[in-house]
């Protein structure tokens, strides 16, 4: 490990910490990067150690030096008591929910939540006898009116990764804790660099490392960090489920960690520039970006967040599906695909109408989500400008 004293480490800004955290030169034989440890079987030196398991590494599903390095680094930047790793962002949501809930419990989920999380709650959790209530993401402390004696968890996501409602996380946490419920948050949009989840009352913070931690669209990874009240239980649940991520993905995530703040800051700059440009376009009804002053959640974003990422949405003025397809199909720099936060820009149309239950999705026109990559911003504008020309010609 780089030789940092506790005092120096505590004084470092996040950009410096990301460079130095999670490195162990002894385990790496002097190399800067911790290698990807691959394996299932771990040998013990003698029977006594085997029976007592008195060594750190016991089996491949229980951790390796590579996973320990990433967990230690993420725990530090998240301000948590500990972190677990799983193979995907959805798996992180699942592990967190399975930690907090049991048969007969009641769960509350923001209506703006990631659709696969809703699907898990509506199918597997329902079969386990866990009932889910979806709530308006703008409720804040008002969620207290929906809580029951058996409410054990509140799943938040701020902002929503399609529609970008910003939630009052501290107010929700205060009410939930007063009712004895665990607060979970999908913090993938901001990462701990732009929103400190545990400092704002979140018990378990969920991150899709697939996104900004990776930054290159070539790995799948989920992370859950937890405070002291919940980490032991989270660790036991993850250990019992035995779903570790692949070693190569963890290695790549560690590599991505070093440049994550630089990429995130550039994504913020690019995203804001493109959002501001799109807000001037005559074809656009409105832009859904929390950092824009006219966004309904801008005040909460400004109070609680220290930055914004490169993911946002727009609502077009009413046009046909054929016109939207003409706009998207001819784009050359924006790929059509799910996921986000890679170095390449993406665009995808979406419609929440079929699964929103606590709120009504009626945006007034077709919606498109953009993930802004690292291309030159003027080239991205030119690509979209040509797309708007096709859209207008098709109306």
Protein backbone atom coordinates (compact mmCIF):
# COMPACT_ATOMS: atom_id res chain seq x y z
CA UNK A 1 0.00 0.00 0.00
CA UNK A 2 1.20 3.55 -0.58
CA UNK A 3 2.59 4.76 2.71
CA UNK A 4 -0.09 7.18 3.91
CA UNK A 5 -0.50 8.03 7.57
CA UNK A 6 -4.04 8.12 8.90
CA UNK A 7 -3.78 11.89 9.27
CA UNK A 8 -2.63 12.35 5.68
CA UNK A 9 -5.31 10.04 4.30
CA UNK A 10 -8.00 11.91 6.21
CA UNK A 11 -6.79 15.23 4.82
CA UNK A 12 -6.69 14.17 1.17
CA UNK A 13 -9.29 15.38 -1.27
CA UNK A 14 -11.27 12.74 -3.14
CA UNK A 15 -9.21 12.98 -6.32
CA UNK A 16 -6.02 12.08 -4.43
CA UNK A 17 -7.72 9.40 -2.35
CA UNK A 18 -8.99 7.62 -5.45
CA UNK A 19 -5.42 7.31 -6.70
CA UNK A 20 -4.03 5.84 -3.49
CA UNK A 21 -6.84 3.83 -1.85
CA UNK A 22 -7.05 0.06 -2.25
CA UNK A 23 -3.39 -0.49 -3.11
CA UNK A 24 -1.21 -3.04 -1.34
CA UNK A 25 2.31 -3.28 -2.73
CA UNK A 26 3.13 -6.31 -0.56
CA UNK A 27 0.29 -8.40 -2.00
CA UNK A 28 1.12 -7.05 -5.45
CA UNK A 29 4.80 -7.94 -5.15
CA UNK A 30 5.70 -4.30 -5.67
CA UNK A 31 3.49 -3.72 -8.69
CA UNK A 32 1.22 -0.67 -8.46
CA UNK A 33 -2.05 -2.45 -9.25
CA UNK A 34 -3.46 -5.33 -7.22
CA UNK A 35 -3.69 -8.24 -9.69
CA UNK A 36 -6.90 -10.19 -10.35
CA UNK A 37 -6.76 -13.13 -7.93
CA UNK A 38 -8.59 -16.04 -9.54
CA UNK A 39 -9.50 -19.24 -7.76
CA UNK A 40 -11.91 -21.30 -5.75
CA UNK A 41 -9.76 -23.43 -3.43
CA UNK A 42 -7.59 -21.87 -0.75
CA UNK A 43 -5.04 -24.09 1.03
CA UNK A 44 -4.56 -24.17 4.79
CA UNK A 45 -1.18 -24.79 6.43
CA UNK A 46 -2.44 -27.33 8.99
CA UNK A 47 -5.54 -29.01 10.45
CA UNK A 48 -5.83 -26.56 13.33
CA UNK A 49 -6.06 -23.62 10.94
CA UNK A 50 -8.46 -25.55 8.70
CA UNK A 51 -10.82 -26.24 11.60
CA UNK A 52 -10.65 -22.75 13.05
CA UNK A 53 -10.54 -20.99 9.68
CA UNK A 54 -8.01 -18.70 11.30
CA UNK A 55 -6.86 -17.11 8.08
CA UNK A 56 -8.35 -14.31 6.01
CA UNK A 57 -8.96 -16.23 2.79
CA UNK A 58 -10.88 -19.48 3.03
CA UNK A 59 -12.66 -19.99 -0.29
CA UNK A 60 -13.08 -18.07 -3.51
CA UNK A 61 -16.64 -16.91 -2.77
CA UNK A 62 -15.59 -15.31 0.52
CA UNK A 63 -13.19 -12.73 -0.90
CA UNK A 64 -9.74 -12.27 -2.37
CA UNK A 65 -7.04 -9.61 -2.08
CA UNK A 66 -8.52 -8.02 -5.21
CA UNK A 67 -12.04 -7.75 -3.79
CA UNK A 68 -10.69 -6.57 -0.44
CA UNK A 69 -8.81 -3.76 -2.17
CA UNK A 70 -11.91 -2.47 -3.94
CA UNK A 71 -14.14 -2.87 -0.87
CA UNK A 72 -11.69 -0.95 1.30
CA UNK A 73 -11.40 1.88 -1.21
CA UNK A 74 -15.17 2.16 -1.75
CA UNK A 75 -15.87 2.03 1.98
CA UNK A 76 -13.55 4.99 2.46
CA UNK A 77 -15.01 7.21 -0.26
CA UNK A 78 -18.60 6.30 0.68
CA UNK A 79 -18.06 7.05 4.36
CA UNK A 80 -19.34 3.61 5.27
CA UNK A 81 -18.57 0.85 7.77
CA UNK A 82 -18.05 -1.69 4.99
CA UNK A 83 -18.82 -2.68 1.40
CA UNK A 84 -19.79 -5.88 -0.40
CA UNK A 85 -19.43 -6.68 -4.09
CA UNK A 86 -21.85 -8.56 -6.34
CA UNK A 87 -22.02 -9.27 -10.09
CA UNK A 88 -24.34 -6.41 -11.17
CA UNK A 89 -26.22 -3.33 -10.09
CA UNK A 90 -29.48 -5.26 -9.92
CA UNK A 91 -27.80 -7.91 -7.79
CA UNK A 92 -26.77 -5.11 -5.43
CA UNK A 93 -30.40 -4.04 -5.10
CA UNK A 94 -31.44 -7.65 -4.48
CA UNK A 95 -28.79 -8.26 -1.80
CA UNK A 96 -29.70 -5.03 0.00
CA UNK A 97 -33.42 -5.84 -0.03
CA UNK A 98 -32.82 -9.42 1.09
CA UNK A 99 -30.73 -8.08 3.97
CA UNK A 100 -33.41 -5.70 5.18
CA UNK A 101 -36.57 -7.78 4.61
CA UNK A 102 -38.20 -11.00 5.72
CA UNK A 103 -41.48 -12.83 5.09
CA UNK A 104 -44.48 -10.72 6.08
CA UNK A 105 -42.64 -7.41 5.91
CA UNK A 106 -43.75 -4.29 4.09
CA UNK A 107 -41.48 -2.46 1.63
CA UNK A 108 -41.79 1.04 0.22
CA UNK A 109 -40.23 1.93 -3.14
CA UNK A 110 -40.10 5.27 -4.90
CA UNK A 111 -42.27 5.28 -8.01
CA UNK A 112 -39.25 6.53 -9.99
CA UNK A 113 -37.16 3.45 -9.18
CA UNK A 114 -35.18 1.41 -11.68
CA UNK A 115 -37.74 -0.81 -13.44
CA UNK A 116 -35.93 -4.14 -12.79
CA UNK A 117 -36.04 -3.35 -9.06
CA UNK A 118 -39.80 -3.01 -9.34
CA UNK A 119 -39.94 -6.33 -11.17
CA UNK A 120 -38.02 -8.07 -8.37
CA UNK A 121 -40.37 -6.63 -5.76
CA UNK A 122 -43.49 -7.51 -7.77
CA UNK A 123 -42.44 -11.12 -8.38
CA UNK A 124 -39.90 -12.74 -6.06
CA UNK A 125 -40.54 -10.57 -3.00
CA UNK A 126 -44.27 -10.97 -3.49
CA UNK A 127 -43.85 -14.76 -3.53
CA UNK A 128 -41.98 -14.44 -0.23
CA UNK A 129 -44.99 -12.69 1.33
CA UNK A 130 -43.45 -9.21 1.21
CA UNK A 131 -45.85 -6.48 0.16
CA UNK A 132 -44.64 -3.40 -1.69
CA UNK A 133 -46.11 0.10 -1.73
CA UNK A 134 -44.88 2.58 -4.33
CA UNK A 135 -44.78 6.22 -3.31
CA UNK A 136 -44.49 9.59 -5.02
CA UNK A 137 -40.77 10.52 -5.07
CA UNK A 138 -41.68 14.09 -4.12
CA UNK A 139 -43.33 13.07 -0.82
CA UNK A 140 -40.30 13.57 1.40
CA UNK A 141 -41.33 13.36 5.05
CA UNK A 142 -44.87 12.68 3.83
CA UNK A 143 -43.99 9.00 3.41
CA UNK A 144 -44.82 8.67 7.10
CA UNK A 145 -48.50 8.53 6.20
CA UNK A 146 -47.87 5.39 4.12
CA UNK A 147 -45.76 3.50 6.63
CA UNK A 148 -47.15 0.53 8.52
CA UNK A 149 -46.14 -1.27 11.71
CA UNK A 150 -44.41 -3.91 9.54
CA UNK A 151 -42.63 -1.47 7.20
CA UNK A 152 -39.01 -2.60 7.32
CA UNK A 153 -37.37 -0.84 4.38
CA UNK A 154 -37.65 2.21 2.12
CA UNK A 155 -35.90 2.03 -1.26
CA UNK A 156 -35.03 5.44 -2.66
CA UNK A 157 -33.34 6.54 -5.88
CA UNK A 158 -32.31 10.15 -6.30
CA UNK A 159 -32.57 11.38 -8.89
CA UNK A 160 -34.66 8.79 -10.73
CA UNK A 161 -32.54 7.42 -13.55
CA UNK A 162 -35.16 8.10 -16.23
CA UNK A 163 -37.37 10.91 -14.99
CA UNK A 164 -34.91 12.60 -12.59
CA UNK A 165 -37.08 13.43 -9.60
CA UNK A 166 -34.86 14.49 -6.69
CA UNK A 167 -35.87 13.09 -3.30
CA UNK A 168 -35.46 14.68 0.12
CA UNK A 169 -33.30 11.86 1.43
CA UNK A 170 -32.58 13.31 4.92
CA UNK A 171 -36.31 13.87 5.55
CA UNK A 172 -37.20 10.38 4.33
CA UNK A 173 -34.43 8.86 6.47
CA UNK A 174 -35.60 10.66 9.60
CA UNK A 175 -39.17 9.43 9.20
CA UNK A 176 -38.15 5.89 8.22
CA UNK A 177 -35.79 5.53 11.16
CA UNK A 178 -38.48 6.80 13.53
CA UNK A 179 -40.60 3.89 12.31
CA UNK A 180 -37.74 1.39 12.64
CA UNK A 181 -37.24 0.99 8.89
CA UNK A 182 -34.00 0.65 6.96
CA UNK A 183 -33.24 3.27 4.29
CA UNK A 184 -31.73 2.05 1.02
CA UNK A 185 -30.66 4.29 -1.84
CA UNK A 186 -29.63 3.69 -5.42
CA UNK A 187 -26.85 6.27 -5.64
CA UNK A 188 -25.47 5.30 -9.05
CA UNK A 189 -26.22 8.64 -10.75
CA UNK A 190 -24.15 10.75 -8.35
CA UNK A 191 -21.75 8.18 -6.86
CA UNK A 192 -20.34 8.96 -3.39
CA UNK A 193 -18.25 11.69 -5.01
CA UNK A 194 -21.31 13.89 -5.64
CA UNK A 195 -23.65 12.61 -2.91
CA UNK A 196 -22.50 11.24 0.45
CA UNK A 197 -25.27 8.72 1.15
CA UNK A 198 -24.46 7.69 4.70
CA UNK A 199 -23.92 11.28 5.83
CA UNK A 200 -27.48 11.96 4.65
CA UNK A 201 -29.06 9.12 6.66
CA UNK A 202 -28.88 6.20 4.20
CA UNK A 203 -28.27 2.81 5.83
CA UNK A 204 -27.33 0.87 2.69
CA UNK A 205 -26.17 2.63 -0.49
CA UNK A 206 -26.42 0.77 -3.78
CA UNK A 207 -24.14 1.47 -6.73
CA UNK A 208 -23.92 -0.05 -10.18
CA UNK A 209 -20.16 -0.18 -10.64
CA UNK A 210 -21.03 -1.03 -14.22
CA UNK A 211 -21.54 2.70 -14.72
CA UNK A 212 -19.10 5.44 -13.62
CA UNK A 213 -16.74 3.20 -11.65
CA UNK A 214 -16.14 1.20 -14.82
CA UNK A 215 -16.49 4.06 -17.28
CA UNK A 216 -15.68 1.87 -20.28
CA UNK A 217 -18.80 -0.31 -20.81
CA UNK A 218 -16.82 -3.50 -20.40
CA UNK A 219 -17.72 -4.90 -16.98
CA UNK A 220 -20.68 -5.74 -14.75
CA UNK A 221 -20.47 -5.00 -11.04
CA UNK A 222 -22.60 -3.98 -8.07
CA UNK A 223 -21.54 -2.51 -4.74
CA UNK A 224 -23.48 -2.06 -1.50
CA UNK A 225 -21.95 0.03 1.26
CA UNK A 226 -23.52 0.06 4.71
CA UNK A 227 -23.27 1.91 7.98
CA UNK A 228 -22.23 0.26 11.24
CA UNK A 229 -25.79 -0.70 12.13
CA UNK A 230 -26.27 -2.75 8.96
CA UNK A 231 -22.92 -3.90 7.62
CA UNK A 232 -22.58 -7.17 9.57
CA UNK A 233 -26.02 -8.29 8.47
CA UNK A 234 -25.33 -7.23 4.88
CA UNK A 235 -22.02 -9.12 4.88
CA UNK A 236 -23.68 -12.29 6.22
CA UNK A 237 -26.44 -12.14 3.60
CA UNK A 238 -23.96 -11.70 0.75
CA UNK A 239 -21.74 -14.47 2.10
CA UNK A 240 -24.67 -16.87 2.39
CA UNK A 241 -25.82 -16.12 -1.16
CA UNK A 242 -22.29 -16.73 -2.52
CA UNK A 243 -22.55 -14.46 -5.55
CA UNK A 244 -19.13 -12.89 -5.98
CA UNK A 245 -18.28 -10.83 -9.06
CA UNK A 246 -15.71 -12.08 -11.55
CA UNK A 247 -12.10 -11.28 -10.64
CA UNK A 248 -11.40 -9.56 -13.94
CA UNK A 249 -14.36 -7.24 -13.43
CA UNK A 250 -13.12 -6.31 -9.95
CA UNK A 251 -9.63 -5.67 -11.31
CA UNK A 252 -11.02 -3.43 -14.05
CA UNK A 253 -13.18 -1.60 -11.52
CA UNK A 254 -10.11 -0.88 -9.39
CA UNK A 255 -8.42 0.52 -12.46
CA UNK A 256 -11.49 2.63 -13.25
CA UNK A 257 -11.51 3.94 -9.69
CA UNK A 258 -8.29 5.87 -10.30
CA UNK A 259 -9.79 8.09 -13.00
CA UNK A 260 -13.42 8.10 -11.84
CA UNK A 261 -13.50 11.66 -10.53
CA UNK A 262 -11.82 13.05 -13.64
CA UNK A 263 -14.33 11.25 -15.87
CA UNK A 264 -17.26 12.21 -13.67
CA UNK A 265 -16.27 15.88 -13.68
CA UNK A 266 -15.99 15.80 -17.47
CA UNK A 267 -19.34 14.01 -17.71
CA UNK A 268 -20.84 16.76 -15.56
CA UNK A 269 -19.38 19.50 -17.77
CA UNK A 270 -20.43 17.78 -20.99
CA UNK A 271 -23.86 16.86 -19.71
CA UNK A 272 -24.67 20.38 -18.53
CA UNK A 273 -23.45 21.91 -21.79
CA UNK A 274 -25.61 19.57 -23.86
CA UNK A 275 -28.63 19.95 -21.55
CA UNK A 276 -28.42 23.73 -21.80
CA UNK A 277 -28.12 23.55 -25.59
CA UNK A 278 -31.08 21.17 -25.84
CA UNK A 279 -33.20 23.49 -23.68
CA UNK A 280 -32.91 26.12 -26.45
CA UNK A 281 -34.06 23.78 -29.21
CA UNK A 282 -37.54 24.46 -30.61
CA UNK A 283 -38.19 20.70 -30.87
CA UNK A 284 -37.72 20.17 -27.11
CA UNK A 285 -40.56 20.67 -24.66
CA UNK A 286 -38.35 20.46 -21.56
CA UNK A 287 -35.07 19.05 -20.24
CA UNK A 288 -35.03 16.84 -17.13
CA UNK A 289 -31.70 17.68 -15.48
CA UNK A 290 -31.55 18.47 -11.73
CA UNK A 291 -28.66 20.93 -12.11
CA UNK A 292 -30.72 23.23 -14.34
CA UNK A 293 -32.37 26.05 -12.33
CA UNK A 294 -35.83 25.38 -13.78
CA UNK A 295 -35.86 21.73 -12.68
CA UNK A 296 -38.47 21.11 -9.92
CA UNK A 297 -35.87 19.38 -7.73
CA UNK A 298 -33.09 21.89 -8.29
CA UNK A 299 -33.28 23.26 -4.74
CA UNK A 300 -32.84 19.83 -3.16
CA UNK A 301 -30.09 18.97 -5.62
CA UNK A 302 -28.23 22.18 -4.79
CA UNK A 303 -28.61 21.56 -1.05
CA UNK A 304 -27.52 17.90 -0.95
CA UNK A 305 -25.38 17.21 -4.04
CA UNK A 306 -21.92 18.50 -4.94
CA UNK A 307 -22.19 17.77 -8.66
CA UNK A 308 -24.17 16.18 -11.46
CA UNK A 309 -23.38 13.37 -13.84
CA UNK A 310 -23.78 13.05 -17.59
CA UNK A 311 -27.18 11.33 -17.53
CA UNK A 312 -30.39 13.29 -18.15
CA UNK A 313 -33.57 13.17 -20.23
CA UNK A 314 -35.55 15.38 -22.55
CA UNK A 315 -39.21 15.50 -23.51
CA UNK A 316 -39.85 16.32 -27.14
CA UNK A 317 -42.81 18.32 -28.30
CA UNK A 318 -45.51 15.97 -29.63
CA UNK A 319 -44.34 14.11 -32.74
CA UNK A 320 -44.99 10.69 -34.21
CA UNK A 321 -43.07 7.53 -33.29
CA UNK A 322 -41.83 7.52 -36.87
CA UNK A 323 -40.29 10.97 -36.38
CA UNK A 324 -38.61 9.89 -33.14
CA UNK A 325 -37.20 6.83 -34.89
CA UNK A 326 -35.88 8.99 -37.73
CA UNK A 327 -34.19 11.23 -35.16
CA UNK A 328 -32.55 8.32 -33.32
CA UNK A 329 -31.80 5.89 -36.14
CA UNK A 330 -29.57 8.29 -38.02
CA UNK A 331 -27.42 9.33 -35.06
CA UNK A 332 -23.77 8.51 -35.65
CA UNK A 333 -22.14 9.40 -32.32
CA UNK A 334 -24.99 8.43 -29.98
CA UNK A 335 -25.43 4.69 -29.76
CA UNK A 336 -28.84 3.15 -29.11
CA UNK A 337 -28.44 1.05 -26.01
CA UNK A 338 -29.21 0.59 -22.33
CA UNK A 339 -26.80 1.22 -19.49
CA UNK A 340 -24.87 4.49 -19.33
CA UNK A 341 -21.77 6.29 -18.00
CA UNK A 342 -19.34 4.83 -20.50
CA UNK A 343 -16.93 6.89 -22.59
CA UNK A 344 -19.36 6.74 -25.51
CA UNK A 345 -22.60 8.69 -25.75
CA UNK A 346 -25.94 6.86 -25.75
CA UNK A 347 -29.58 7.72 -26.38
CA UNK A 348 -32.65 5.62 -25.65
CA UNK A 349 -36.39 6.39 -25.81
CA UNK A 350 -38.51 5.48 -22.79
CA UNK A 351 -42.08 5.52 -21.56
CA UNK A 352 -42.93 4.95 -17.88
CA UNK A 353 -46.69 4.93 -18.41
CA UNK A 354 -47.19 1.18 -18.12
CA UNK A 355 -45.51 0.68 -14.73
CA UNK A 356 -45.92 3.88 -12.74
CA UNK A 357 -48.53 3.26 -10.05
CA UNK A 358 -48.21 6.02 -7.44
CA UNK A 359 -47.75 8.84 -9.95
CA UNK A 360 -48.93 9.53 -13.47
CA UNK A 361 -46.33 9.79 -16.23
CA UNK A 362 -47.75 12.27 -18.70
CA UNK A 363 -44.79 14.28 -20.00
CA UNK A 364 -46.57 15.85 -22.96
CA UNK A 365 -44.42 14.25 -25.64
CA UNK A 366 -41.94 11.45 -26.36
CA UNK A 367 -39.07 11.11 -23.86
CA UNK A 368 -35.43 10.31 -24.62
CA UNK A 369 -32.64 9.66 -22.13
CA UNK A 370 -29.09 10.71 -22.97
CA UNK A 371 -25.83 9.49 -21.49
CA UNK A 372 -23.18 12.00 -22.53
CA UNK A 373 -19.75 10.52 -23.20
CA UNK A 374 -16.31 11.95 -23.87
CA UNK A 375 -16.71 12.99 -27.51
CA UNK A 376 -16.19 16.65 -28.38
CA UNK A 377 -19.32 18.53 -27.35
CA UNK A 378 -19.54 20.38 -30.67
CA UNK A 379 -19.51 17.07 -32.55
CA UNK A 380 -22.33 15.79 -30.32
CA UNK A 381 -24.38 18.91 -30.98
CA UNK A 382 -23.83 18.54 -34.73
CA UNK A 383 -24.99 14.91 -34.60
CA UNK A 384 -28.16 15.89 -32.74
CA UNK A 385 -28.74 18.88 -35.00
CA UNK A 386 -28.82 16.55 -38.01
CA UNK A 387 -31.17 14.31 -36.03
CA UNK A 388 -33.57 17.17 -35.37
CA UNK A 389 -33.55 17.97 -39.07
CA UNK A 390 -34.64 14.38 -39.80
CA UNK A 391 -37.29 14.58 -37.06
CA UNK A 392 -38.75 17.79 -38.46
CA UNK A 393 -38.74 16.45 -41.99
CA UNK A 394 -40.64 13.33 -40.87
CA UNK A 395 -43.42 15.09 -38.96
